[in-house]
Amino acid sequence: MLFYRPLAMTMMMALICGSATLAAAASNDKGKDKDKDQEETQIDSGSFGVFQNGHRVGTETFSITQIGSGSVIKSEFKSENAPTQDDQTSELRLTSNGELRHYDWKELSPIQAESVVVPNEDFLNQKWNDGNKSHEQPYLLPPSTIILDDYFFIHREVLAWRFLAAACKQDKGQLQCPARQRAQFGTLIPRQHSSASLTAEFIGRETVSLKNGPQDLIKLEFKTDASTWQLWLDDRNQFKVMRMSVVGENTVVDRD
């Protein structure tokens, strides 16, 4: 694999895998309020355009921030060119080793609804209000379960980083990934109130035509029983996801 920026890999490892320093910081974590006093480092921010059959149907605006006790992933999705605009927000908080601390989702339009997922000992618990009634559901899933919610595509970038950190290694300033390397992850889709096993696979490299011209990118594939996603990451630019697509659905997500 070609040269990559060591700082980007360091941040990726710290964000997803953790380190002794961050683990020590996490051990002193006393909740969300303390995070406000901790130093923040922005890892990624921007927006994704969502296209179906070549037409833009939505925009996700996101940020990933590293804090002393872990990371915070914030996102807002808005639909476009629809009779009624969908407006949803999410905030995903992870510990320094990538485990779930807190997930919050809100629908602002066309109706108001909200959902929260938190770890409770050795399982996850979800509470939500659909605008008419409150609900609660436990899941026999560990805090290491990956949140992959509908409409929040930045969650897949976080999973991609976690997969690369687990499946690949650094060797003389390069990221080495064995061909067709695979790993399995447990995932939770809060808006669907369902879980699924996901297989992540390193496909290799591929040249992709983007708005700024052709780029040579890393290609990954995420597969569940319900769908197959393909992702292309720029290892020269902090391993940012540049494009995602849903196989067989004419759905493409491009970084703006």
C-alpha atoms as a PDB file:
ATOM      1  CA  MET A   1       0.000   0.000   0.000  1.00  0.00           C
ATOM      2  CA  LEU A   2       1.198   3.508  -0.801  1.00  0.00           C
ATOM      3  CA  PHE A   3       2.469   6.093   1.655  1.00  0.00           C
ATOM      4  CA  TYR A   4      -0.084   7.436   4.137  1.00  0.00           C
ATOM      5  CA  ARG A   5      -0.019  10.227   6.691  1.00  0.00           C
ATOM      6  CA  PRO A   6       1.206   8.797  10.042  1.00  0.00           C
ATOM      7  CA  LEU A   7      -0.807  11.388  11.987  1.00  0.00           C
ATOM      8  CA  ALA A   8      -4.015  10.210  10.357  1.00  0.00           C
ATOM      9  CA  MET A   9      -3.302   6.600  11.293  1.00  0.00           C
ATOM     10  CA  THR A  10      -2.420   7.613  14.841  1.00  0.00           C
ATOM     11  CA  MET A  11      -5.708   9.467  15.212  1.00  0.00           C
ATOM     12  CA  MET A  12      -7.618   6.575  13.685  1.00  0.00           C
ATOM     13  CA  MET A  13      -6.032   4.118  16.101  1.00  0.00           C
ATOM     14  CA  ALA A  14      -6.644   6.425  19.050  1.00  0.00           C
ATOM     15  CA  LEU A  15     -10.233   7.033  18.051  1.00  0.00           C
ATOM     16  CA  ILE A  16     -11.200   3.428  17.478  1.00  0.00           C
ATOM     17  CA  CYS A  17      -8.706   1.158  19.239  1.00  0.00           C
ATOM     18  CA  GLY A  18      -7.619   3.355  22.105  1.00  0.00           C
ATOM     19  CA  SER A  19      -4.210   3.559  23.758  1.00  0.00           C
ATOM     20  CA  ALA A  20      -2.765   3.340  27.236  1.00  0.00           C
ATOM     21  CA  THR A  21      -3.050   7.104  27.655  1.00  0.00           C
ATOM     22  CA  LEU A  22      -6.629   7.279  26.480  1.00  0.00           C
ATOM     23  CA  ALA A  23      -7.566   4.188  28.456  1.00  0.00           C
ATOM     24  CA  ALA A  24      -6.283   5.889  31.596  1.00  0.00           C
ATOM     25  CA  ALA A  25      -8.318   8.960  30.767  1.00  0.00           C
ATOM     26  CA  ALA A  26     -11.373   6.804  30.175  1.00  0.00           C
ATOM     27  CA  SER A  27     -11.013   5.179  33.584  1.00  0.00           C
ATOM     28  CA  ASN A  28     -11.548   8.605  35.149  1.00  0.00           C
ATOM     29  CA  ASP A  29     -14.561   9.378  32.975  1.00  0.00           C
ATOM     30  CA  LYS A  30     -17.526  10.483  35.048  1.00  0.00           C
ATOM     31  CA  GLY A  31     -20.065  11.032  32.286  1.00  0.00           C
ATOM     32  CA  LYS A  32     -21.006  13.391  29.514  1.00  0.00           C
ATOM     33  CA  ASP A  33     -20.622  16.580  31.569  1.00  0.00           C
ATOM     34  CA  LYS A  34     -16.914  16.026  32.106  1.00  0.00           C
ATOM     35  CA  ASP A  35     -16.316  15.839  28.362  1.00  0.00           C
ATOM     36  CA  LYS A  36     -17.055  19.551  28.077  1.00  0.00           C
ATOM     37  CA  ASP A  37     -13.886  20.313  30.019  1.00  0.00           C
ATOM     38  CA  GLN A  38     -11.643  18.011  28.015  1.00  0.00           C
ATOM     39  CA  GLU A  39      -9.495  19.024  25.083  1.00  0.00           C
ATOM     40  CA  GLU A  40     -11.116  18.276  21.732  1.00  0.00           C
ATOM     41  CA  THR A  41      -9.457  17.358  18.442  1.00  0.00           C
ATOM     42  CA  GLN A  42     -11.533  17.312  15.288  1.00  0.00           C
ATOM     43  CA  ILE A  43     -10.827  14.169  13.257  1.00  0.00           C
ATOM     44  CA  ASP A  44     -13.236  14.701  10.358  1.00  0.00           C
ATOM     45  CA  SER A  45     -16.063  17.004   9.351  1.00  0.00           C
ATOM     46  CA  GLY A  46     -17.996  17.833   6.217  1.00  0.00           C
ATOM     47  CA  SER A  47     -21.022  16.534   4.369  1.00  0.00           C
ATOM     48  CA  PHE A  48     -22.176  13.639   2.228  1.00  0.00           C
ATOM     49  CA  GLY A  49     -24.559  13.979  -0.684  1.00  0.00           C
ATOM     50  CA  VAL A  50     -27.019  11.104  -1.069  1.00  0.00           C
ATOM     51  CA  PHE A  51     -27.969  10.236  -4.653  1.00  0.00           C
ATOM     52  CA  GLN A  52     -30.570   7.828  -5.996  1.00  0.00           C
ATOM     53  CA  ASN A  53     -30.599   7.139  -9.729  1.00  0.00           C
ATOM     54  CA  GLY A  54     -28.267  10.107 -10.161  1.00  0.00           C
ATOM     55  CA  HIS A  55     -30.528  12.611  -8.357  1.00  0.00           C
ATOM     56  CA  ARG A  56     -29.579  14.178  -5.031  1.00  0.00           C
ATOM     57  CA  VAL A  57     -32.165  13.237  -2.425  1.00  0.00           C
ATOM     58  CA  GLY A  58     -30.457  14.217   0.826  1.00  0.00           C
ATOM     59  CA  THR A  59     -27.468  15.694   2.647  1.00  0.00           C
ATOM     60  CA  GLU A  60     -25.742  14.499   5.808  1.00  0.00           C
ATOM     61  CA  THR A  61     -23.617  17.045   7.684  1.00  0.00           C
ATOM     62  CA  PHE A  62     -21.269  15.455  10.216  1.00  0.00           C
ATOM     63  CA  SER A  63     -18.304  15.827  12.555  1.00  0.00           C
ATOM     64  CA  ILE A  64     -16.035  13.384  14.391  1.00  0.00           C
ATOM     65  CA  THR A  65     -14.268  14.742  17.458  1.00  0.00           C
ATOM     66  CA  GLN A  66     -11.722  13.035  19.692  1.00  0.00           C
ATOM     67  CA  ILE A  67     -11.887  13.859  23.397  1.00  0.00           C
ATOM     68  CA  GLY A  68      -9.847  12.648  26.339  1.00  0.00           C
ATOM     69  CA  SER A  69     -12.258   9.848  27.161  1.00  0.00           C
ATOM     70  CA  GLY A  70     -13.143   8.715  23.647  1.00  0.00           C
ATOM     71  CA  SER A  71     -14.927  10.257  20.687  1.00  0.00           C
ATOM     72  CA  VAL A  72     -18.129  12.027  19.672  1.00  0.00           C
ATOM     73  CA  ILE A  73     -19.764  11.584  16.259  1.00  0.00           C
ATOM     74  CA  LYS A  74     -22.462  14.149  15.435  1.00  0.00           C
ATOM     75  CA  SER A  75     -24.650  14.165  12.352  1.00  0.00           C
ATOM     76  CA  GLU A  76     -27.685  15.817  10.795  1.00  0.00           C
ATOM     77  CA  PHE A  77     -29.570  14.451   7.802  1.00  0.00           C
ATOM     78  CA  LYS A  78     -31.952  16.504   5.669  1.00  0.00           C
ATOM     79  CA  SER A  79     -33.874  15.269   2.653  1.00  0.00           C
ATOM     80  CA  GLU A  80     -34.053  17.345  -0.509  1.00  0.00           C
ATOM     81  CA  ASN A  81     -36.689  17.920  -3.186  1.00  0.00           C
ATOM     82  CA  ALA A  82     -39.363  16.117  -1.192  1.00  0.00           C
ATOM     83  CA  PRO A  83     -42.905  17.319  -0.429  1.00  0.00           C
ATOM     84  CA  THR A  84     -42.079  17.111   3.290  1.00  0.00           C
ATOM     85  CA  GLN A  85     -38.490  17.596   4.432  1.00  0.00           C
ATOM     86  CA  ASP A  86     -37.032  14.969   6.735  1.00  0.00           C
ATOM     87  CA  ASP A  87     -34.725  16.442   9.382  1.00  0.00           C
ATOM     88  CA  GLN A  88     -32.950  14.088  11.783  1.00  0.00           C
ATOM     89  CA  THR A  89     -29.977  14.419  14.123  1.00  0.00           C
ATOM     90  CA  SER A  90     -27.808  11.915  15.956  1.00  0.00           C
ATOM     91  CA  GLU A  91     -24.980  11.949  18.480  1.00  0.00           C
ATOM     92  CA  LEU A  92     -22.856   8.846  19.045  1.00  0.00           C
ATOM     93  CA  ARG A  93     -20.442   8.780  21.986  1.00  0.00           C
ATOM     94  CA  LEU A  94     -17.779   6.076  22.209  1.00  0.00           C
ATOM     95  CA  THR A  95     -15.202   5.184  24.830  1.00  0.00           C
ATOM     96  CA  SER A  96     -11.498   5.226  23.968  1.00  0.00           C
ATOM     97  CA  ASN A  97     -11.660   1.526  23.014  1.00  0.00           C
ATOM     98  CA  GLY A  98     -14.629   2.068  20.688  1.00  0.00           C
ATOM     99  CA  GLU A  99     -17.405   0.821  22.980  1.00  0.00           C
ATOM    100  CA  LEU A 100     -20.769   2.552  23.178  1.00  0.00           C
ATOM    101  CA  ARG A 101     -21.282   5.148  25.883  1.00  0.00           C
ATOM    102  CA  HIS A 102     -24.425   6.841  24.586  1.00  0.00           C
ATOM    103  CA  TYR A 103     -26.413   7.141  21.349  1.00  0.00           C
ATOM    104  CA  ASP A 104     -29.055   9.786  20.867  1.00  0.00           C
ATOM    105  CA  TRP A 105     -31.340  10.209  17.823  1.00  0.00           C
ATOM    106  CA  LYS A 106     -33.971  12.876  17.204  1.00  0.00           C
ATOM    107  CA  GLU A 107     -36.428  13.453  14.393  1.00  0.00           C
ATOM    108  CA  LEU A 108     -37.279  17.134  14.073  1.00  0.00           C
ATOM    109  CA  SER A 109     -39.452  16.975  10.939  1.00  0.00           C
ATOM    110  CA  PRO A 110     -41.990  15.951   9.664  1.00  0.00           C
ATOM    111  CA  ILE A 111     -42.838  14.661  13.158  1.00  0.00           C
ATOM    112  CA  GLN A 112     -40.988  14.877  16.449  1.00  0.00           C
ATOM    113  CA  ALA A 113     -39.554  11.653  17.845  1.00  0.00           C
ATOM    114  CA  GLU A 114     -36.482  10.543  19.775  1.00  0.00           C
ATOM    115  CA  SER A 115     -34.498   7.482  20.767  1.00  0.00           C
ATOM    116  CA  VAL A 116     -31.662   6.740  23.182  1.00  0.00           C
ATOM    117  CA  VAL A 117     -29.410   3.675  23.400  1.00  0.00           C
ATOM    118  CA  VAL A 118     -27.139   3.153  26.411  1.00  0.00           C
ATOM    119  CA  PRO A 119     -25.169   0.192  27.801  1.00  0.00           C
ATOM    120  CA  ASN A 120     -26.597  -1.470  30.876  1.00  0.00           C
ATOM    121  CA  GLU A 121     -24.063  -3.878  32.377  1.00  0.00           C
ATOM    122  CA  ASP A 122     -23.610  -6.573  29.696  1.00  0.00           C
ATOM    123  CA  PHE A 123     -26.408  -5.539  27.331  1.00  0.00           C
ATOM    124  CA  LEU A 124     -27.814  -2.503  25.534  1.00  0.00           C
ATOM    125  CA  ASN A 125     -31.065  -0.752  26.323  1.00  0.00           C
ATOM    126  CA  GLN A 126     -33.094   1.421  23.961  1.00  0.00           C
ATOM    127  CA  LYS A 127     -35.815   3.875  24.912  1.00  0.00           C
ATOM    128  CA  TRP A 128     -37.749   5.759  22.265  1.00  0.00           C
ATOM    129  CA  ASN A 129     -40.801   7.905  21.693  1.00  0.00           C
ATOM    130  CA  ASP A 130     -42.463   7.706  18.290  1.00  0.00           C
ATOM    131  CA  GLY A 131     -44.461  10.884  18.826  1.00  0.00           C
ATOM    132  CA  ASN A 132     -47.418   9.043  20.315  1.00  0.00           C
ATOM    133  CA  LYS A 133     -46.068   6.573  22.841  1.00  0.00           C
ATOM    134  CA  SER A 134     -42.921   5.708  24.789  1.00  0.00           C
ATOM    135  CA  HIS A 135     -41.236   2.330  24.323  1.00  0.00           C
ATOM    136  CA  GLU A 136     -38.320   0.419  25.814  1.00  0.00           C
ATOM    137  CA  GLN A 137     -36.395  -2.594  24.530  1.00  0.00           C
ATOM    138  CA  PRO A 138     -33.305  -4.416  25.832  1.00  0.00           C
ATOM    139  CA  TYR A 139     -30.853  -6.169  23.496  1.00  0.00           C
ATOM    140  CA  LEU A 140     -28.561  -9.008  24.490  1.00  0.00           C
ATOM    141  CA  LEU A 141     -25.672  -7.196  22.840  1.00  0.00           C
ATOM    142  CA  PRO A 142     -22.363  -6.016  24.380  1.00  0.00           C
ATOM    143  CA  PRO A 143     -21.231  -2.366  24.433  1.00  0.00           C
ATOM    144  CA  SER A 144     -18.780  -3.211  21.638  1.00  0.00           C
ATOM    145  CA  THR A 145     -21.741  -3.513  19.237  1.00  0.00           C
ATOM    146  CA  ILE A 146     -21.511  -1.109  16.277  1.00  0.00           C
ATOM    147  CA  ILE A 147     -24.267   1.481  15.836  1.00  0.00           C
ATOM    148  CA  LEU A 148     -25.219   1.705  12.147  1.00  0.00           C
ATOM    149  CA  ASP A 149     -28.371   3.770  12.057  1.00  0.00           C
ATOM    150  CA  ASP A 150     -30.453   4.643   9.007  1.00  0.00           C
ATOM    151  CA  TYR A 151     -29.567   7.915   7.221  1.00  0.00           C
ATOM    152  CA  PHE A 152     -26.312   8.440   9.170  1.00  0.00           C
ATOM    153  CA  PHE A 153     -23.622   7.330   6.765  1.00  0.00           C
ATOM    154  CA  ILE A 154     -20.742   8.654   8.890  1.00  0.00           C
ATOM    155  CA  HIS A 155     -21.306   5.633  11.159  1.00  0.00           C
ATOM    156  CA  ARG A 156     -19.922   3.504   8.326  1.00  0.00           C
ATOM    157  CA  GLU A 157     -16.741   5.551   8.228  1.00  0.00           C
ATOM    158  CA  VAL A 158     -16.244   4.866  11.928  1.00  0.00           C
ATOM    159  CA  LEU A 159     -16.761   1.150  11.293  1.00  0.00           C
ATOM    160  CA  ALA A 160     -14.312   1.286   8.372  1.00  0.00           C
ATOM    161  CA  TRP A 161     -11.650   2.798  10.649  1.00  0.00           C
ATOM    162  CA  ARG A 162     -12.308   0.183  13.282  1.00  0.00           C
ATOM    163  CA  PHE A 163     -11.980  -2.587  10.709  1.00  0.00           C
ATOM    164  CA  LEU A 164      -8.722  -1.198   9.281  1.00  0.00           C
ATOM    165  CA  ALA A 165      -7.271  -0.780  12.763  1.00  0.00           C
ATOM    166  CA  ALA A 166      -8.136  -4.396  13.608  1.00  0.00           C
ATOM    167  CA  ALA A 167      -7.341  -6.091  10.299  1.00  0.00           C
ATOM    168  CA  CYS A 168      -4.279  -4.174   9.111  1.00  0.00           C
ATOM    169  CA  LYS A 169      -0.898  -3.286  10.569  1.00  0.00           C
ATOM    170  CA  GLN A 170       1.728  -0.576  10.255  1.00  0.00           C
ATOM    171  CA  ASP A 171       5.016  -1.599   8.641  1.00  0.00           C
ATOM    172  CA  LYS A 172       7.775   0.946   7.917  1.00  0.00           C
ATOM    173  CA  GLY A 173       5.387   3.854   7.616  1.00  0.00           C
ATOM    174  CA  GLN A 174       2.820   1.981   5.555  1.00  0.00           C
ATOM    175  CA  LEU A 175      -0.536   0.401   6.263  1.00  0.00           C
ATOM    176  CA  GLN A 176      -0.474  -3.254   5.250  1.00  0.00           C
ATOM    177  CA  CYS A 177      -3.785  -5.037   4.700  1.00  0.00           C
ATOM    178  CA  PRO A 178      -3.824  -8.702   3.648  1.00  0.00           C
ATOM    179  CA  ALA A 179      -5.779  -9.289   0.439  1.00  0.00           C
ATOM    180  CA  ARG A 180      -9.420 -10.238   1.066  1.00  0.00           C
ATOM    181  CA  GLN A 181      -8.958  -9.780   4.808  1.00  0.00           C
ATOM    182  CA  ARG A 182     -12.280 -10.189   6.638  1.00  0.00           C
ATOM    183  CA  ALA A 183     -13.720  -9.508  10.079  1.00  0.00           C
ATOM    184  CA  GLN A 184     -17.158  -9.831  11.634  1.00  0.00           C
ATOM    185  CA  PHE A 185     -18.972  -7.249  13.742  1.00  0.00           C
ATOM    186  CA  GLY A 186     -22.242  -7.149  15.613  1.00  0.00           C
ATOM    187  CA  THR A 187     -24.389  -4.142  14.677  1.00  0.00           C
ATOM    188  CA  LEU A 188     -27.516  -2.434  15.971  1.00  0.00           C
ATOM    189  CA  ILE A 189     -29.868  -0.365  13.803  1.00  0.00           C
ATOM    190  CA  PRO A 190     -31.816   1.675  16.400  1.00  0.00           C
ATOM    191  CA  ARG A 191     -34.425   3.125  14.006  1.00  0.00           C
ATOM    192  CA  GLN A 192     -35.340  -0.420  12.951  1.00  0.00           C
ATOM    193  CA  HIS A 193     -35.055  -1.819  16.498  1.00  0.00           C
ATOM    194  CA  SER A 194     -33.022  -4.683  15.074  1.00  0.00           C
ATOM    195  CA  SER A 195     -29.522  -6.148  15.127  1.00  0.00           C
ATOM    196  CA  ALA A 196     -27.448  -7.912  12.481  1.00  0.00           C
ATOM    197  CA  SER A 197     -24.116  -9.611  11.970  1.00  0.00           C
ATOM    198  CA  LEU A 198     -21.900  -7.775   9.466  1.00  0.00           C
ATOM    199  CA  THR A 199     -18.879  -9.033   7.551  1.00  0.00           C
ATOM    200  CA  ALA A 200     -16.280  -6.412   6.604  1.00  0.00           C
ATOM    201  CA  GLU A 201     -13.774  -7.229   3.877  1.00  0.00           C
ATOM    202  CA  PHE A 202     -10.734  -5.471   2.448  1.00  0.00           C
ATOM    203  CA  ILE A 203     -11.124  -5.707  -1.336  1.00  0.00           C
ATOM    204  CA  GLY A 204      -7.985  -3.849  -2.447  1.00  0.00           C
ATOM    205  CA  ARG A 205      -7.518  -0.649  -4.438  1.00  0.00           C
ATOM    206  CA  GLU A 206      -9.648   0.851  -7.177  1.00  0.00           C
ATOM    207  CA  THR A 207      -9.623   4.010  -9.276  1.00  0.00           C
ATOM    208  CA  VAL A 208     -12.895   5.895  -8.830  1.00  0.00           C
ATOM    209  CA  SER A 209     -14.137   8.917 -10.812  1.00  0.00           C
ATOM    210  CA  LEU A 210     -15.140  11.638  -8.350  1.00  0.00           C
ATOM    211  CA  LYS A 211     -16.021  15.297  -8.848  1.00  0.00           C
ATOM    212  CA  ASN A 212     -12.330  16.257  -8.572  1.00  0.00           C
ATOM    213  CA  GLY A 213     -11.291  13.614 -11.087  1.00  0.00           C
ATOM    214  CA  PRO A 214     -10.140   9.987 -10.828  1.00  0.00           C
ATOM    215  CA  GLN A 215      -8.653   8.889  -7.495  1.00  0.00           C
ATOM    216  CA  ASP A 216      -6.889   5.696  -6.434  1.00  0.00           C
ATOM    217  CA  LEU A 217      -8.676   4.590  -3.252  1.00  0.00           C
ATOM    218  CA  ILE A 218      -8.916   1.743  -0.758  1.00  0.00           C
ATOM    219  CA  LYS A 219     -12.039  -0.370  -1.293  1.00  0.00           C
ATOM    220  CA  LEU A 220     -13.954  -2.129   1.487  1.00  0.00           C
ATOM    221  CA  GLU A 221     -17.170  -4.118   1.478  1.00  0.00           C
ATOM    222  CA  PHE A 222     -19.716  -4.461   4.296  1.00  0.00           C
ATOM    223  CA  LYS A 223     -22.184  -7.297   3.922  1.00  0.00           C
ATOM    224  CA  THR A 224     -25.241  -8.355   5.949  1.00  0.00           C
ATOM    225  CA  ASP A 225     -28.147 -10.635   5.092  1.00  0.00           C
ATOM    226  CA  ALA A 226     -30.134  -7.533   4.084  1.00  0.00           C
ATOM    227  CA  SER A 227     -27.665  -5.496   2.016  1.00  0.00           C
ATOM    228  CA  THR A 228     -24.128  -5.045   0.691  1.00  0.00           C
ATOM    229  CA  TRP A 229     -22.292  -1.725   0.978  1.00  0.00           C
ATOM    230  CA  GLN A 230     -19.086  -0.801  -0.802  1.00  0.00           C
ATOM    231  CA  LEU A 231     -16.848   1.994   0.518  1.00  0.00           C
ATOM    232  CA  TRP A 232     -13.875   3.830  -0.982  1.00  0.00           C
ATOM    233  CA  LEU A 233     -11.399   5.543   1.388  1.00  0.00           C
ATOM    234  CA  ASP A 234      -8.571   7.977   0.693  1.00  0.00           C
ATOM    235  CA  ASP A 235      -5.480   6.729   2.553  1.00  0.00           C
ATOM    236  CA  ARG A 236      -3.635   9.918   1.555  1.00  0.00           C
ATOM    237  CA  ASN A 237      -6.228  12.053   3.335  1.00  0.00           C
ATOM    238  CA  GLN A 238      -6.698  10.610   6.831  1.00  0.00           C
ATOM    239  CA  PHE A 239      -8.585   7.553   5.557  1.00  0.00           C
ATOM    240  CA  LYS A 240     -11.704   9.587   4.873  1.00  0.00           C
ATOM    241  CA  VAL A 241     -14.565   7.859   3.087  1.00  0.00           C
ATOM    242  CA  MET A 242     -15.000   9.480  -0.325  1.00  0.00           C
ATOM    243  CA  ARG A 243     -17.812   7.328  -1.673  1.00  0.00           C
ATOM    244  CA  MET A 244     -20.243   4.632  -0.542  1.00  0.00           C
ATOM    245  CA  SER A 245     -22.775   2.688  -2.551  1.00  0.00           C
ATOM    246  CA  VAL A 246     -25.503   0.144  -1.892  1.00  0.00           C
ATOM    247  CA  VAL A 247     -25.073  -2.739  -4.308  1.00  0.00           C
ATOM    248  CA  GLY A 248     -28.114  -3.230  -6.543  1.00  0.00           C
ATOM    249  CA  GLU A 249     -30.061  -0.207  -5.272  1.00  0.00           C
ATOM    250  CA  ASN A 250     -28.724   2.679  -7.425  1.00  0.00           C
ATOM    251  CA  THR A 251     -27.861   4.531  -4.210  1.00  0.00           C
ATOM    252  CA  VAL A 252     -24.553   6.416  -4.001  1.00  0.00           C
ATOM    253  CA  VAL A 253     -23.207   8.565  -1.151  1.00  0.00           C
ATOM    254  CA  ASP A 254     -20.431  11.011  -2.134  1.00  0.00           C
ATOM    255  CA  ARG A 255     -18.369  13.337   0.031  1.00  0.00           C
ATOM    256  CA  ASP A 256     -19.090  16.958  -0.956  1.00  0.00           C
END
